[in-house]
Protein backbone atom coordinates (compact mmCIF):
# COMPACT_ATOMS: atom_id res chain seq x y z
CA MET A 1 7.45 -10.83 41.55
CA SER A 2 9.57 -11.03 38.46
CA GLU A 3 8.59 -8.82 35.60
CA GLY A 4 8.90 -11.89 33.27
CA LEU A 5 5.82 -13.49 34.90
CA TYR A 6 3.59 -10.68 33.43
CA ILE A 7 5.16 -10.78 29.90
CA LEU A 8 5.10 -14.60 29.16
CA ARG A 9 1.95 -16.63 29.46
CA ASP A 10 1.75 -19.30 32.18
CA GLY A 11 3.58 -22.43 31.34
CA SER A 12 5.79 -20.87 28.64
CA LYS A 13 9.02 -22.76 28.07
CA TYR A 14 10.88 -19.45 27.24
CA SER A 15 12.72 -17.00 29.47
CA VAL A 16 12.61 -13.22 29.69
CA ASN A 17 16.05 -11.45 29.41
CA ALA A 18 17.85 -14.58 28.13
CA ARG A 19 18.62 -16.08 24.73
CA ASN A 20 15.79 -18.11 23.43
CA LYS A 21 16.07 -20.38 20.36
CA ALA A 22 12.64 -20.60 18.84
CA ASP A 23 10.36 -20.08 15.94
CA GLY A 24 9.50 -16.41 16.14
CA LEU A 25 5.71 -16.91 15.60
CA GLU A 26 5.72 -19.54 18.41
CA LEU A 27 7.64 -17.27 20.71
CA ILE A 28 5.18 -14.38 20.01
CA SER A 29 2.26 -16.61 20.80
CA CYS A 30 3.62 -17.06 24.28
CA ILE A 31 3.72 -13.48 25.12
CA ASN A 32 0.72 -11.82 26.86
CA ASP A 33 -1.28 -9.14 25.12
CA GLY A 34 -0.03 -5.60 25.54
CA SER A 35 2.94 -6.56 27.64
CA ILE A 36 5.87 -5.32 25.43
CA SER A 37 7.09 -1.67 25.13
CA ALA A 38 9.10 -2.18 21.97
CA ALA A 39 9.83 -4.73 19.28
CA PHE A 40 12.36 -4.81 16.46
CA PHE A 41 11.57 -6.58 13.23
CA ASP A 42 13.87 -7.13 10.27
CA PRO A 43 11.96 -9.55 7.87
CA GLN A 44 13.95 -11.53 5.44
CA TYR A 45 12.24 -11.05 2.13
CA ARG A 46 13.38 -11.56 -1.55
CA GLY A 47 11.57 -8.63 -2.96
CA VAL A 48 14.68 -6.30 -3.42
CA LEU A 49 16.89 -9.18 -4.66
CA ASP A 50 14.33 -10.10 -7.27
CA LYS A 51 13.71 -6.50 -8.25
CA LEU A 52 17.39 -5.55 -8.68
CA LYS A 53 18.46 -8.74 -10.42
CA TYR A 54 22.19 -8.57 -9.59
CA GLY A 55 22.95 -11.81 -11.25
CA ASN A 56 25.61 -12.84 -8.82
CA GLU A 57 23.24 -14.01 -5.99
CA GLY A 58 24.86 -16.61 -3.83
CA LYS A 59 28.23 -16.51 -5.61
CA SER A 60 30.27 -14.05 -3.46
CA ARG A 61 29.40 -11.35 -1.01
CA GLY A 62 25.68 -12.11 -1.02
CA LYS A 63 26.16 -15.84 -0.37
CA SER A 64 25.27 -15.85 3.33
CA ARG A 65 22.31 -13.53 2.81
CA SER A 66 20.84 -15.49 -0.01
CA SER A 67 21.10 -18.75 2.11
CA LEU A 68 18.83 -17.29 4.78
CA PRO A 69 15.23 -18.60 4.72
CA GLN A 70 13.09 -15.98 3.08
CA MET A 71 9.68 -14.87 4.52
CA ASP A 72 6.69 -14.73 2.39
CA GLU A 73 4.00 -11.97 2.67
CA ALA A 74 1.74 -14.37 4.88
CA MET A 75 4.53 -14.87 7.37
CA ILE A 76 5.48 -11.34 7.47
CA THR A 77 1.84 -10.38 8.06
CA GLY A 78 1.54 -12.97 10.86
CA PHE A 79 4.57 -11.40 12.64
CA ILE A 80 3.15 -7.85 12.23
CA ASN A 81 -0.23 -9.03 13.68
CA GLY A 82 1.57 -10.86 16.57
CA ILE A 83 3.74 -7.81 17.34
CA ASN A 84 0.64 -5.62 17.23
CA ARG A 85 -1.06 -7.97 19.79
CA VAL A 86 1.76 -7.96 22.31
CA LEU A 87 2.81 -4.24 22.10
CA LYS A 88 1.44 -1.92 24.77
CA ASP A 89 -0.82 0.84 23.62
CA SER A 90 2.10 3.25 23.91
CA GLY A 91 4.60 0.69 22.38
CA HIS A 92 6.77 1.10 19.28
CA LEU A 93 7.71 -1.14 16.46
CA PHE A 94 11.17 -0.61 14.85
CA LEU A 95 10.59 -2.11 11.46
CA TRP A 96 13.58 -2.47 8.95
CA VAL A 97 12.57 -2.24 5.41
CA ASP A 98 14.40 -1.35 2.16
CA LYS A 99 13.38 1.39 -0.15
CA PHE A 100 11.90 -0.97 -2.64
CA HIS A 101 9.29 -2.25 -0.10
CA LEU A 102 8.78 1.12 1.50
């Protein structure tokens, strides 16, 4: 039996070991509890941009980053809670944060 059958809930429209285009929270909701060994999470948040106040946001090198949809605290918390639910007891979360948020 395929390992993917144990990871994804029955009837999921997503595939294991394949590219999936999805809303992240919806994708996490289709994963069985305690079935993932590791997760990588790099939230898009405005905190550091607002704190540093560069003044050139969206004008040159930061243009593509500033055009990304930013995640509010509620959405980031939703992801963390979802990741916590799907991680195995011995699993690991690799979380990217900047020094401002750390």
